[in-house]
N, C-alpha and C. Protein backbone atom coordinates (compact mmCIF):
# COMPACT_ATOMS: atom_id res chain seq x y z
N MET A 1 8.67 14.25 -0.04
CA MET A 1 9.64 14.37 -1.09
C MET A 1 10.82 13.45 -0.75
N ASP A 2 11.27 12.69 -1.74
CA ASP A 2 12.41 11.82 -1.49
C ASP A 2 13.72 12.52 -1.83
N PHE A 3 14.81 11.79 -1.69
CA PHE A 3 16.13 12.39 -1.92
C PHE A 3 16.37 12.78 -3.38
N ASN A 4 15.53 12.28 -4.30
CA ASN A 4 15.64 12.65 -5.71
C ASN A 4 14.76 13.85 -6.06
N GLY A 5 14.01 14.35 -5.07
CA GLY A 5 13.11 15.46 -5.33
C GLY A 5 11.77 15.03 -5.88
N CYS A 6 11.47 13.72 -5.85
CA CYS A 6 10.20 13.20 -6.36
C CYS A 6 9.12 13.31 -5.28
N ILE A 7 7.91 13.60 -5.72
CA ILE A 7 6.77 13.70 -4.82
C ILE A 7 5.66 12.80 -5.34
N GLY A 8 5.01 12.08 -4.44
CA GLY A 8 3.88 11.25 -4.82
C GLY A 8 2.81 11.34 -3.76
N THR A 9 1.56 11.19 -4.16
CA THR A 9 0.45 11.20 -3.21
C THR A 9 -0.46 10.02 -3.51
N SER A 10 -1.18 9.58 -2.49
CA SER A 10 -2.11 8.47 -2.64
C SER A 10 -3.30 8.67 -1.73
N LYS A 11 -4.46 8.24 -2.17
CA LYS A 11 -5.65 8.21 -1.35
C LYS A 11 -5.79 6.78 -0.83
N VAL A 12 -6.07 6.63 0.45
CA VAL A 12 -6.15 5.31 1.05
C VAL A 12 -7.51 5.13 1.71
N THR A 13 -8.20 4.04 1.40
CA THR A 13 -9.44 3.67 2.07
C THR A 13 -9.18 2.42 2.89
N VAL A 14 -9.52 2.47 4.17
CA VAL A 14 -9.22 1.35 5.07
C VAL A 14 -10.51 0.85 5.70
N GLY A 15 -10.85 -0.42 5.41
CA GLY A 15 -11.96 -1.09 6.08
C GLY A 15 -13.29 -0.35 6.05
N SER A 16 -14.08 -0.58 7.10
CA SER A 16 -15.38 0.05 7.25
C SER A 16 -15.55 0.43 8.72
N LYS A 17 -16.66 1.07 9.04
CA LYS A 17 -16.89 1.53 10.42
C LYS A 17 -16.86 0.38 11.42
N SER A 18 -17.31 -0.80 11.04
CA SER A 18 -17.36 -1.93 11.96
C SER A 18 -16.14 -2.84 11.85
N SER A 19 -15.13 -2.43 11.12
CA SER A 19 -13.95 -3.25 10.87
C SER A 19 -12.98 -3.22 12.06
N SER A 20 -12.30 -4.34 12.28
CA SER A 20 -11.25 -4.39 13.29
C SER A 20 -9.87 -4.29 12.65
N LEU A 21 -9.83 -3.82 11.42
CA LEU A 21 -8.59 -3.70 10.66
C LEU A 21 -7.72 -2.58 11.21
N ALA A 22 -6.43 -2.84 11.29
CA ALA A 22 -5.47 -1.80 11.69
C ALA A 22 -4.22 -1.92 10.83
N ILE A 23 -3.81 -0.81 10.27
CA ILE A 23 -2.55 -0.78 9.52
C ILE A 23 -1.45 -0.45 10.50
N GLN A 24 -0.47 -1.35 10.59
CA GLN A 24 0.66 -1.14 11.48
C GLN A 24 1.73 -0.28 10.85
N SER A 25 1.96 -0.47 9.56
CA SER A 25 2.95 0.34 8.85
C SER A 25 2.78 0.17 7.35
N ILE A 26 3.29 1.14 6.62
CA ILE A 26 3.38 1.06 5.16
C ILE A 26 4.83 1.34 4.82
N ASP A 27 5.50 0.34 4.29
CA ASP A 27 6.91 0.47 3.95
C ASP A 27 7.03 0.73 2.46
N ILE A 28 7.79 1.74 2.10
CA ILE A 28 7.94 2.12 0.70
C ILE A 28 9.41 2.11 0.33
N ILE A 29 9.72 1.37 -0.72
CA ILE A 29 11.05 1.42 -1.32
C ILE A 29 10.85 2.21 -2.60
N ALA A 30 11.32 3.44 -2.58
CA ALA A 30 11.04 4.38 -3.67
C ALA A 30 11.73 3.98 -4.96
N ALA A 31 11.02 4.21 -6.05
CA ALA A 31 11.59 4.06 -7.39
C ALA A 31 12.26 5.36 -7.77
N GLY A 32 13.06 5.32 -8.80
CA GLY A 32 13.59 6.56 -9.36
C GLY A 32 12.46 7.34 -10.00
N CYS A 33 12.65 8.60 -10.23
CA CYS A 33 11.58 9.45 -10.79
C CYS A 33 11.05 8.93 -12.12
N GLN A 34 11.87 8.37 -12.96
CA GLN A 34 11.44 7.93 -14.29
C GLN A 34 11.46 6.41 -14.44
N THR A 35 11.47 5.67 -13.31
CA THR A 35 11.47 4.21 -13.38
C THR A 35 10.28 3.66 -12.61
N ALA A 36 9.96 2.41 -12.87
CA ALA A 36 8.82 1.76 -12.23
C ALA A 36 9.30 0.57 -11.41
N ASP A 37 10.30 0.80 -10.56
CA ASP A 37 10.86 -0.32 -9.80
C ASP A 37 10.66 -0.17 -8.30
N GLY A 38 9.70 0.62 -7.88
CA GLY A 38 9.43 0.80 -6.46
C GLY A 38 8.60 -0.33 -5.90
N VAL A 39 8.57 -0.43 -4.57
CA VAL A 39 7.80 -1.47 -3.88
C VAL A 39 7.08 -0.83 -2.70
N VAL A 40 5.83 -1.26 -2.47
CA VAL A 40 5.05 -0.85 -1.31
C VAL A 40 4.63 -2.12 -0.57
N VAL A 41 4.88 -2.15 0.74
CA VAL A 41 4.47 -3.28 1.58
C VAL A 41 3.57 -2.73 2.68
N ILE A 42 2.34 -3.26 2.76
CA ILE A 42 1.38 -2.82 3.77
C ILE A 42 1.32 -3.88 4.85
N ASN A 43 1.64 -3.49 6.08
CA ASN A 43 1.61 -4.41 7.22
C ASN A 43 0.37 -4.10 8.05
N ALA A 44 -0.61 -5.00 7.98
CA ALA A 44 -1.89 -4.78 8.64
C ALA A 44 -2.31 -6.01 9.44
N ILE A 45 -3.19 -5.78 10.42
CA ILE A 45 -3.77 -6.88 11.19
C ILE A 45 -5.28 -6.73 11.18
N GLY A 46 -5.97 -7.84 11.27
CA GLY A 46 -7.43 -7.84 11.30
C GLY A 46 -7.94 -9.25 11.32
N GLN A 47 -9.23 -9.40 11.49
CA GLN A 47 -9.85 -10.71 11.52
C GLN A 47 -10.06 -11.23 10.12
N GLY A 48 -9.91 -12.53 9.95
CA GLY A 48 -10.14 -13.15 8.65
C GLY A 48 -8.98 -12.94 7.71
N THR A 49 -9.23 -13.23 6.44
CA THR A 49 -8.21 -13.08 5.41
C THR A 49 -8.23 -11.64 4.89
N LEU A 50 -7.10 -10.98 4.98
CA LEU A 50 -7.00 -9.61 4.48
C LEU A 50 -6.66 -9.64 3.00
N LYS A 51 -7.27 -8.74 2.24
CA LYS A 51 -6.97 -8.60 0.82
C LYS A 51 -6.61 -7.14 0.56
N TYR A 52 -5.76 -6.94 -0.43
CA TYR A 52 -5.19 -5.63 -0.70
C TYR A 52 -5.43 -5.25 -2.16
N SER A 53 -5.60 -3.95 -2.40
CA SER A 53 -5.83 -3.47 -3.75
C SER A 53 -5.26 -2.06 -3.90
N LEU A 54 -4.72 -1.77 -5.05
CA LEU A 54 -4.25 -0.42 -5.34
C LEU A 54 -5.32 0.42 -6.01
N ASN A 55 -6.27 -0.24 -6.68
CA ASN A 55 -7.27 0.51 -7.44
C ASN A 55 -8.70 0.30 -6.95
N GLY A 56 -8.89 -0.48 -5.87
CA GLY A 56 -10.23 -0.72 -5.34
C GLY A 56 -11.03 -1.74 -6.11
N THR A 57 -10.46 -2.35 -7.15
CA THR A 57 -11.14 -3.33 -7.97
C THR A 57 -10.42 -4.67 -7.96
N ASP A 58 -9.14 -4.65 -8.23
CA ASP A 58 -8.34 -5.88 -8.32
C ASP A 58 -7.68 -6.15 -6.98
N PHE A 59 -8.19 -7.17 -6.25
CA PHE A 59 -7.68 -7.49 -4.92
C PHE A 59 -6.76 -8.69 -4.95
N GLN A 60 -5.82 -8.71 -4.01
CA GLN A 60 -4.88 -9.84 -3.88
C GLN A 60 -4.63 -10.10 -2.40
N GLU A 61 -4.20 -11.32 -2.08
CA GLU A 61 -3.89 -11.66 -0.70
C GLU A 61 -2.50 -11.20 -0.29
N SER A 62 -1.61 -10.98 -1.25
CA SER A 62 -0.26 -10.50 -0.95
C SER A 62 -0.32 -9.03 -0.53
N ASN A 63 0.45 -8.69 0.50
CA ASN A 63 0.49 -7.31 0.98
C ASN A 63 1.59 -6.48 0.30
N THR A 64 2.22 -7.04 -0.74
CA THR A 64 3.32 -6.39 -1.43
C THR A 64 2.92 -6.01 -2.86
N PHE A 65 3.20 -4.75 -3.21
CA PHE A 65 2.94 -4.25 -4.55
C PHE A 65 4.24 -3.75 -5.14
N GLY A 66 4.50 -4.10 -6.38
CA GLY A 66 5.70 -3.62 -7.04
C GLY A 66 5.57 -3.77 -8.54
N ASN A 67 6.51 -3.20 -9.24
CA ASN A 67 6.50 -3.31 -10.70
C ASN A 67 7.68 -4.10 -11.15
């Protein structure tokens, strides 16, 4: 819960059993309860080019998500 009383949950899938992927941190800049101005930055390390997705379908090379 943030200082505005907002609560959010997310399901996260990371790599596969043979993956060397490691998430170092997930930084969240919270939006207001009724606004869409938040930002999520995923800091991860692994072999090769890492790609990120919020919905498991649309992937991007940027580790930053925002509205």
